Amino acid sequence: MLNRKTTGWSKRDMDGTRRADIKQGAEVYIVLKQDQRSGKLTRGIVKDILTGSSTHPHGIKVRLLSGEVGRVKSIVH
């Protein structure tokens, strides 16, 4: 299971709350709706950016190439 400890995710990484930081084709960690309580992260490639506003406090909502939809928690460098 992926989580913040195993992925090395930290607040100093781009945290996914700014739409300008996220591009189609970027590799990201997202949290799926059903995983919000556990904090389990899913890694994937951004297919579509679904949030229209420039920022969102819980992360920009995206669709991955796999079809999964969730909020970005970290952008892989």
N, C-alpha and C. Protein backbone atom coordinates (compact mmCIF):
# COMPACT_ATOMS: atom_id res chain seq x y z
N MET A 1 0.84 -1.18 0.00
CA MET A 1 0.00 0.00 0.00
C MET A 1 0.88 1.24 0.00
N LEU A 2 0.55 2.18 -0.88
CA LEU A 2 1.29 3.43 -0.92
C LEU A 2 0.72 4.40 0.10
N ASN A 3 1.56 5.08 0.80
CA ASN A 3 1.14 6.15 1.69
C ASN A 3 2.25 7.17 1.77
N ARG A 4 2.06 8.20 2.55
CA ARG A 4 3.04 9.28 2.59
C ARG A 4 4.40 8.81 3.09
N LYS A 5 4.43 7.84 4.01
CA LYS A 5 5.72 7.34 4.51
C LYS A 5 6.48 6.59 3.42
N THR A 6 5.81 5.68 2.71
CA THR A 6 6.50 4.83 1.74
C THR A 6 6.88 5.57 0.48
N THR A 7 6.21 6.68 0.16
CA THR A 7 6.52 7.40 -1.08
C THR A 7 7.50 8.53 -0.86
N GLY A 8 7.81 8.85 0.38
CA GLY A 8 8.71 9.95 0.64
C GLY A 8 8.06 11.30 0.41
N TRP A 9 6.76 11.34 0.30
CA TRP A 9 6.00 12.56 0.06
C TRP A 9 6.19 13.53 1.20
N SER A 10 6.41 14.76 0.90
CA SER A 10 6.52 15.77 1.94
C SER A 10 5.90 17.06 1.46
N LYS A 11 5.59 17.95 2.40
CA LYS A 11 4.93 19.20 2.08
C LYS A 11 5.79 20.10 1.21
N ARG A 12 7.12 19.91 1.21
CA ARG A 12 7.98 20.77 0.40
C ARG A 12 7.91 20.43 -1.09
N ASP A 13 7.39 19.27 -1.44
CA ASP A 13 7.15 18.94 -2.85
C ASP A 13 5.98 19.79 -3.34
N MET A 14 5.85 19.90 -4.65
CA MET A 14 4.65 20.57 -5.15
C MET A 14 3.46 19.73 -4.69
N ASP A 15 2.56 20.37 -3.98
CA ASP A 15 1.52 19.61 -3.30
C ASP A 15 0.23 19.41 -4.08
N GLY A 16 0.15 19.88 -5.30
CA GLY A 16 -1.02 19.60 -6.12
C GLY A 16 -2.20 20.52 -5.91
N THR A 17 -2.02 21.63 -5.18
CA THR A 17 -3.14 22.55 -4.94
C THR A 17 -3.21 23.66 -5.98
N ARG A 18 -2.18 23.79 -6.82
CA ARG A 18 -2.16 24.82 -7.86
C ARG A 18 -2.29 24.18 -9.23
N ARG A 19 -3.32 24.57 -9.97
CA ARG A 19 -3.57 24.01 -11.30
C ARG A 19 -2.38 24.23 -12.25
N ALA A 20 -1.71 25.37 -12.11
CA ALA A 20 -0.58 25.71 -12.99
C ALA A 20 0.59 24.73 -12.85
N ASP A 21 0.68 24.03 -11.73
CA ASP A 21 1.78 23.08 -11.50
C ASP A 21 1.54 21.72 -12.17
N ILE A 22 0.30 21.49 -12.63
CA ILE A 22 -0.09 20.16 -13.13
C ILE A 22 -0.34 20.24 -14.63
N LYS A 23 0.31 19.37 -15.37
CA LYS A 23 0.17 19.33 -16.83
C LYS A 23 -0.26 17.93 -17.27
N GLN A 24 -0.93 17.86 -18.42
CA GLN A 24 -1.24 16.56 -18.99
C GLN A 24 0.07 15.84 -19.24
N GLY A 25 0.11 14.55 -18.90
CA GLY A 25 1.32 13.76 -19.08
C GLY A 25 2.22 13.75 -17.85
N ALA A 26 1.90 14.58 -16.85
CA ALA A 26 2.71 14.61 -15.62
C ALA A 26 2.44 13.37 -14.79
N GLU A 27 3.47 12.91 -14.08
CA GLU A 27 3.31 11.78 -13.17
C GLU A 27 3.00 12.33 -11.78
N VAL A 28 1.92 11.82 -11.19
CA VAL A 28 1.44 12.35 -9.92
C VAL A 28 1.00 11.23 -8.98
N TYR A 29 0.87 11.58 -7.70
CA TYR A 29 0.19 10.74 -6.73
C TYR A 29 -1.14 11.39 -6.43
N ILE A 30 -2.22 10.60 -6.50
CA ILE A 30 -3.55 11.12 -6.17
C ILE A 30 -4.15 10.29 -5.05
N VAL A 31 -5.16 10.88 -4.40
CA VAL A 31 -5.95 10.12 -3.45
C VAL A 31 -7.34 9.96 -4.07
N LEU A 32 -7.78 8.71 -4.19
CA LEU A 32 -9.10 8.40 -4.72
C LEU A 32 -10.14 8.68 -3.64
N LYS A 33 -11.36 8.94 -4.04
CA LYS A 33 -12.44 9.24 -3.09
C LYS A 33 -12.54 8.16 -2.00
N GLN A 34 -12.52 6.90 -2.41
CA GLN A 34 -12.68 5.81 -1.44
C GLN A 34 -11.46 5.64 -0.53
N ASP A 35 -10.35 6.28 -0.87
CA ASP A 35 -9.13 6.16 -0.07
C ASP A 35 -8.84 7.39 0.79
N GLN A 36 -9.77 8.33 0.84
CA GLN A 36 -9.53 9.57 1.59
C GLN A 36 -9.29 9.30 3.07
N ARG A 37 -10.03 8.38 3.66
CA ARG A 37 -9.86 8.09 5.09
C ARG A 37 -8.51 7.46 5.39
N SER A 38 -8.09 6.53 4.54
CA SER A 38 -6.83 5.81 4.80
C SER A 38 -5.61 6.61 4.34
N GLY A 39 -5.79 7.52 3.39
CA GLY A 39 -4.67 8.28 2.87
C GLY A 39 -3.86 7.53 1.82
N LYS A 40 -4.36 6.37 1.37
CA LYS A 40 -3.66 5.58 0.36
C LYS A 40 -3.53 6.40 -0.93
N LEU A 41 -2.32 6.40 -1.49
CA LEU A 41 -2.05 7.16 -2.70
C LEU A 41 -1.95 6.23 -3.90
N THR A 42 -2.37 6.75 -5.05
CA THR A 42 -2.31 6.02 -6.31
C THR A 42 -1.43 6.82 -7.26
N ARG A 43 -0.46 6.15 -7.88
CA ARG A 43 0.47 6.81 -8.80
C ARG A 43 -0.02 6.64 -10.22
N GLY A 44 0.09 7.69 -11.03
CA GLY A 44 -0.32 7.58 -12.42
C GLY A 44 0.05 8.81 -13.23
N ILE A 45 -0.35 8.77 -14.49
CA ILE A 45 -0.08 9.84 -15.45
C ILE A 45 -1.37 10.60 -15.70
N VAL A 46 -1.29 11.93 -15.65
CA VAL A 46 -2.47 12.79 -15.84
C VAL A 46 -2.93 12.74 -17.29
N LYS A 47 -4.21 12.40 -17.46
CA LYS A 47 -4.85 12.43 -18.78
C LYS A 47 -5.62 13.74 -18.94
N ASP A 48 -6.45 14.08 -17.93
CA ASP A 48 -7.28 15.28 -17.97
C ASP A 48 -7.23 15.99 -16.63
N ILE A 49 -7.28 17.31 -16.66
CA ILE A 49 -7.41 18.11 -15.46
C ILE A 49 -8.88 18.50 -15.34
N LEU A 50 -9.52 18.10 -14.23
CA LEU A 50 -10.96 18.27 -14.09
C LEU A 50 -11.35 19.51 -13.30
N THR A 51 -10.49 19.99 -12.42
CA THR A 51 -10.78 21.20 -11.65
C THR A 51 -10.59 22.41 -12.55
N GLY A 52 -11.58 23.28 -12.58
CA GLY A 52 -11.51 24.47 -13.42
C GLY A 52 -10.85 25.66 -12.76
N SER A 53 -10.90 25.74 -11.44
CA SER A 53 -10.33 26.89 -10.74
C SER A 53 -8.81 26.78 -10.68
N SER A 54 -8.15 27.89 -10.40
CA SER A 54 -6.68 27.92 -10.40
C SER A 54 -6.08 27.23 -9.18
N THR A 55 -6.82 27.14 -8.08
CA THR A 55 -6.34 26.44 -6.88
C THR A 55 -7.50 25.69 -6.23
N HIS A 56 -7.14 24.70 -5.43
CA HIS A 56 -8.12 23.98 -4.62
C HIS A 56 -7.40 23.50 -3.37
N PRO A 57 -7.94 23.76 -2.18
CA PRO A 57 -7.23 23.43 -0.94
C PRO A 57 -6.99 21.94 -0.72
N HIS A 58 -7.79 21.08 -1.34
CA HIS A 58 -7.64 19.63 -1.15
C HIS A 58 -6.92 18.97 -2.32
N GLY A 59 -6.49 19.75 -3.29
CA GLY A 59 -5.79 19.22 -4.45
C GLY A 59 -6.62 19.34 -5.71
N ILE A 60 -5.97 19.51 -6.82
CA ILE A 60 -6.63 19.61 -8.12
C ILE A 60 -7.12 18.24 -8.53
N LYS A 61 -8.36 18.17 -8.97
CA LYS A 61 -8.94 16.88 -9.38
C LYS A 61 -8.51 16.57 -10.81
N VAL A 62 -8.01 15.33 -11.02
CA VAL A 62 -7.54 14.89 -12.33
C VAL A 62 -8.06 13.49 -12.64
N ARG A 63 -8.02 13.16 -13.93
CA ARG A 63 -8.28 11.80 -14.39
C ARG A 63 -6.95 11.26 -14.89
N LEU A 64 -6.59 10.06 -14.45
CA LEU A 64 -5.35 9.42 -14.89
C LEU A 64 -5.59 8.66 -16.18
N LEU A 65 -4.51 8.26 -16.85
CA LEU A 65 -4.63 7.44 -18.07
C LEU A 65 -5.40 6.16 -17.79
N SER A 66 -5.31 5.66 -16.55
CA SER A 66 -6.01 4.43 -16.15
C SER A 66 -7.52 4.64 -15.99
N GLY A 67 -7.97 5.91 -16.01
CA GLY A 67 -9.38 6.22 -15.84
C GLY A 67 -9.75 6.59 -14.41
N GLU A 68 -8.82 6.39 -13.47
CA GLU A 68 -9.09 6.72 -12.07
C GLU A 68 -9.12 8.23 -11.90
N VAL A 69 -10.02 8.69 -11.02
CA VAL A 69 -10.20 10.12 -10.75
C VAL A 69 -9.92 10.39 -9.28
N GLY A 70 -9.12 11.40 -9.03
CA GLY A 70 -8.83 11.77 -7.65
C GLY A 70 -8.15 13.12 -7.58
N ARG A 71 -7.80 13.52 -6.37
CA ARG A 71 -7.16 14.81 -6.13
C ARG A 71 -5.65 14.63 -5.98
N VAL A 72 -4.89 15.49 -6.64
CA VAL A 72 -3.42 15.41 -6.64
C VAL A 72 -2.90 15.77 -5.25
N LYS A 73 -2.05 14.89 -4.72
CA LYS A 73 -1.40 15.12 -3.44
C LYS A 73 0.07 15.41 -3.61
N SER A 74 0.67 14.95 -4.70
CA SER A 74 2.09 15.19 -4.95
C SER A 74 2.38 15.01 -6.43
N ILE A 75 3.32 15.80 -6.91
CA ILE A 75 3.76 15.70 -8.30
C ILE A 75 5.14 15.05 -8.30
N VAL A 76 5.30 14.00 -9.08
CA VAL A 76 6.57 13.27 -9.15
C VAL A 76 7.54 14.10 -10.00
N HIS A 77 8.75 14.29 -9.50
CA HIS A 77 9.76 15.11 -10.21
C HIS A 77 10.58 14.24 -11.13
